[in-house]
Amino acid sequence: MSENIRNRIEYTVMCISEFSQRHSLPPQKAYKYLKDYGGMAFLKDCYEAEHLLSIEDAIDDLTIVCQRNGGKIA
């Protein structure tokens, strides 16, 4: 596995974990929510920019993306 892929996986796992903590969700539910409302696609598509931000900013961005796609978590 390349270092880039490993970094992307680690970052994605970290974002799911932090999202679940911020929104008081079990990690499995956080993953499903992010998948259902476009957060996972956002992480994949915007990794190059997002991983340069603070984790707090990345979670804010994930929350906004999901809300724009019909998610109800604020």
N, C-alpha and C. Protein backbone atom coordinates (compact mmCIF):
# COMPACT_ATOMS: atom_id res chain seq x y z
N MET A 1 0.84 -1.17 0.00
CA MET A 1 0.00 0.00 0.00
C MET A 1 0.89 1.24 0.00
N SER A 2 0.56 2.18 -0.84
CA SER A 2 1.38 3.38 -0.93
C SER A 2 1.17 4.28 0.31
N GLU A 3 2.14 5.14 0.53
CA GLU A 3 2.05 6.05 1.68
C GLU A 3 0.86 7.00 1.53
N ASN A 4 0.59 7.45 0.31
CA ASN A 4 -0.54 8.34 0.07
C ASN A 4 -1.86 7.68 0.44
N ILE A 5 -2.04 6.45 0.04
CA ILE A 5 -3.27 5.73 0.37
C ILE A 5 -3.37 5.53 1.88
N ARG A 6 -2.28 5.16 2.51
CA ARG A 6 -2.27 4.96 3.97
C ARG A 6 -2.65 6.28 4.67
N ASN A 7 -2.08 7.39 4.21
CA ASN A 7 -2.40 8.69 4.81
C ASN A 7 -3.87 9.05 4.65
N ARG A 8 -4.42 8.77 3.48
CA ARG A 8 -5.84 9.05 3.24
C ARG A 8 -6.73 8.21 4.15
N ILE A 9 -6.38 6.95 4.31
CA ILE A 9 -7.17 6.07 5.17
C ILE A 9 -7.09 6.54 6.61
N GLU A 10 -5.90 6.85 7.09
CA GLU A 10 -5.74 7.32 8.47
C GLU A 10 -6.51 8.61 8.70
N TYR A 11 -6.45 9.52 7.75
CA TYR A 11 -7.16 10.79 7.87
C TYR A 11 -8.67 10.56 7.90
N THR A 12 -9.16 9.70 7.04
CA THR A 12 -10.59 9.41 6.98
C THR A 12 -11.06 8.80 8.29
N VAL A 13 -10.31 7.84 8.81
CA VAL A 13 -10.68 7.21 10.09
C VAL A 13 -10.69 8.25 11.20
N MET A 14 -9.69 9.13 11.22
CA MET A 14 -9.63 10.18 12.23
C MET A 14 -10.84 11.10 12.12
N CYS A 15 -11.22 11.47 10.91
CA CYS A 15 -12.37 12.36 10.71
C CYS A 15 -13.67 11.69 11.18
N ILE A 16 -13.85 10.44 10.87
CA ILE A 16 -15.04 9.73 11.33
C ILE A 16 -15.08 9.70 12.85
N SER A 17 -13.95 9.40 13.46
CA SER A 17 -13.87 9.35 14.92
C SER A 17 -14.18 10.71 15.55
N GLU A 18 -13.59 11.76 15.03
CA GLU A 18 -13.81 13.10 15.57
C GLU A 18 -15.24 13.56 15.32
N PHE A 19 -15.79 13.23 14.16
CA PHE A 19 -17.18 13.58 13.87
C PHE A 19 -18.11 12.87 14.85
N SER A 20 -17.84 11.60 15.11
CA SER A 20 -18.69 10.85 16.03
C SER A 20 -18.62 11.44 17.43
N GLN A 21 -17.44 11.85 17.86
CA GLN A 21 -17.31 12.46 19.19
C GLN A 21 -18.03 13.80 19.26
N ARG A 22 -17.83 14.64 18.27
CA ARG A 22 -18.46 15.97 18.30
C ARG A 22 -19.97 15.88 18.34
N HIS A 23 -20.52 14.91 17.60
CA HIS A 23 -21.98 14.81 17.48
C HIS A 23 -22.56 13.71 18.35
N SER A 24 -21.77 13.18 19.26
CA SER A 24 -22.23 12.16 20.21
C SER A 24 -22.90 10.97 19.53
N LEU A 25 -22.22 10.46 18.50
CA LEU A 25 -22.70 9.30 17.76
C LEU A 25 -21.70 8.16 17.91
N PRO A 26 -22.18 6.92 17.92
CA PRO A 26 -21.23 5.81 17.82
C PRO A 26 -20.53 5.90 16.46
N PRO A 27 -19.28 5.47 16.38
CA PRO A 27 -18.54 5.57 15.11
C PRO A 27 -19.27 4.95 13.92
N GLN A 28 -19.94 3.83 14.12
CA GLN A 28 -20.65 3.17 13.02
C GLN A 28 -21.78 4.06 12.48
N LYS A 29 -22.49 4.73 13.39
CA LYS A 29 -23.57 5.62 12.96
C LYS A 29 -23.01 6.88 12.30
N ALA A 30 -21.89 7.36 12.81
CA ALA A 30 -21.24 8.52 12.19
C ALA A 30 -20.83 8.18 10.76
N TYR A 31 -20.23 7.00 10.56
CA TYR A 31 -19.83 6.58 9.22
C TYR A 31 -21.04 6.51 8.29
N LYS A 32 -22.13 5.88 8.77
CA LYS A 32 -23.32 5.75 7.93
C LYS A 32 -23.89 7.12 7.57
N TYR A 33 -23.94 8.01 8.55
CA TYR A 33 -24.44 9.36 8.31
C TYR A 33 -23.57 10.07 7.26
N LEU A 34 -22.25 10.00 7.45
CA LEU A 34 -21.34 10.65 6.49
C LEU A 34 -21.48 10.03 5.10
N LYS A 35 -21.65 8.75 5.03
CA LYS A 35 -21.83 8.08 3.74
C LYS A 35 -23.15 8.49 3.09
N ASP A 36 -24.22 8.49 3.88
CA ASP A 36 -25.55 8.80 3.35
C ASP A 36 -25.69 10.24 2.88
N TYR A 37 -24.98 11.17 3.52
CA TYR A 37 -25.17 12.59 3.22
C TYR A 37 -23.96 13.25 2.57
N GLY A 38 -23.10 12.48 1.94
CA GLY A 38 -22.05 13.02 1.11
C GLY A 38 -20.75 13.36 1.80
N GLY A 39 -20.64 13.11 3.08
CA GLY A 39 -19.42 13.42 3.79
C GLY A 39 -18.24 12.57 3.38
N MET A 40 -18.48 11.29 3.14
CA MET A 40 -17.39 10.40 2.73
C MET A 40 -16.89 10.78 1.35
N ALA A 41 -17.79 11.10 0.45
CA ALA A 41 -17.38 11.53 -0.90
C ALA A 41 -16.60 12.84 -0.81
N PHE A 42 -17.04 13.73 0.07
CA PHE A 42 -16.34 15.00 0.27
C PHE A 42 -14.92 14.75 0.77
N LEU A 43 -14.76 13.86 1.74
CA LEU A 43 -13.41 13.55 2.24
C LEU A 43 -12.53 13.00 1.13
N LYS A 44 -13.08 12.14 0.31
CA LYS A 44 -12.31 11.56 -0.79
C LYS A 44 -11.94 12.62 -1.82
N ASP A 45 -12.91 13.42 -2.22
CA ASP A 45 -12.70 14.39 -3.28
C ASP A 45 -11.85 15.59 -2.85
N CYS A 46 -11.94 15.96 -1.59
CA CYS A 46 -11.29 17.19 -1.11
C CYS A 46 -10.14 16.92 -0.15
N TYR A 47 -9.64 15.71 -0.14
CA TYR A 47 -8.57 15.35 0.79
C TYR A 47 -7.38 16.31 0.69
N GLU A 48 -6.96 16.62 -0.50
CA GLU A 48 -5.75 17.43 -0.69
C GLU A 48 -5.83 18.77 0.03
N ALA A 49 -7.00 19.38 0.08
CA ALA A 49 -7.16 20.66 0.77
C ALA A 49 -7.51 20.44 2.24
N GLU A 50 -8.43 19.53 2.50
CA GLU A 50 -8.94 19.35 3.86
C GLU A 50 -7.88 18.88 4.86
N HIS A 51 -6.97 18.02 4.43
CA HIS A 51 -6.01 17.50 5.40
C HIS A 51 -5.00 18.56 5.84
N LEU A 52 -5.00 19.70 5.16
CA LEU A 52 -4.13 20.80 5.56
C LEU A 52 -4.76 21.68 6.63
N LEU A 53 -6.07 21.53 6.84
CA LEU A 53 -6.80 22.32 7.83
C LEU A 53 -6.73 21.64 9.20
N SER A 54 -7.15 22.37 10.21
CA SER A 54 -7.27 21.76 11.54
C SER A 54 -8.39 20.72 11.49
N ILE A 55 -8.34 19.78 12.40
CA ILE A 55 -9.39 18.75 12.44
C ILE A 55 -10.73 19.40 12.77
N GLU A 56 -10.72 20.45 13.58
CA GLU A 56 -11.97 21.15 13.91
C GLU A 56 -12.60 21.76 12.65
N ASP A 57 -11.77 22.37 11.82
CA ASP A 57 -12.27 22.94 10.56
C ASP A 57 -12.79 21.85 9.63
N ALA A 58 -12.09 20.74 9.57
CA ALA A 58 -12.53 19.63 8.71
C ALA A 58 -13.89 19.09 9.18
N ILE A 59 -14.09 18.97 10.49
CA ILE A 59 -15.36 18.48 11.00
C ILE A 59 -16.46 19.51 10.76
N ASP A 60 -16.14 20.79 10.90
CA ASP A 60 -17.11 21.84 10.55
C ASP A 60 -17.52 21.69 9.09
N ASP A 61 -16.56 21.51 8.20
CA ASP A 61 -16.85 21.36 6.77
C ASP A 61 -17.70 20.12 6.50
N LEU A 62 -17.37 19.01 7.16
CA LEU A 62 -18.17 17.79 6.99
C LEU A 62 -19.61 18.02 7.43
N THR A 63 -19.77 18.70 8.54
CA THR A 63 -21.12 18.97 9.05
C THR A 63 -21.91 19.81 8.06
N ILE A 64 -21.28 20.83 7.49
CA ILE A 64 -21.94 21.70 6.52
C ILE A 64 -22.30 20.93 5.25
N VAL A 65 -21.38 20.14 4.75
CA VAL A 65 -21.63 19.36 3.53
C VAL A 65 -22.83 18.43 3.75
N CYS A 66 -22.84 17.74 4.87
CA CYS A 66 -23.95 16.81 5.14
C CYS A 66 -25.27 17.55 5.29
N GLN A 67 -25.26 18.70 5.96
CA GLN A 67 -26.49 19.48 6.10
C GLN A 67 -27.01 19.91 4.73
N ARG A 68 -26.11 20.32 3.86
CA ARG A 68 -26.53 20.74 2.51
C ARG A 68 -27.10 19.60 1.70
N ASN A 69 -26.75 18.38 2.09
CA ASN A 69 -27.26 17.20 1.39
C ASN A 69 -28.40 16.53 2.14
N GLY A 70 -29.03 17.25 3.06
CA GLY A 70 -30.22 16.74 3.74
C GLY A 70 -30.00 16.21 5.14
N GLY A 71 -28.78 16.19 5.61
CA GLY A 71 -28.50 15.72 6.97
C GLY A 71 -29.05 16.70 7.99
N LYS A 72 -29.50 16.19 9.12
CA LYS A 72 -30.15 17.02 10.14
C LYS A 72 -29.27 17.29 11.35
N ILE A 73 -28.08 16.72 11.42
CA ILE A 73 -27.20 16.96 12.55
C ILE A 73 -26.62 18.37 12.43
N ALA A 74 -26.70 19.12 13.52
CA ALA A 74 -26.18 20.50 13.50
C ALA A 74 -24.88 20.59 14.27
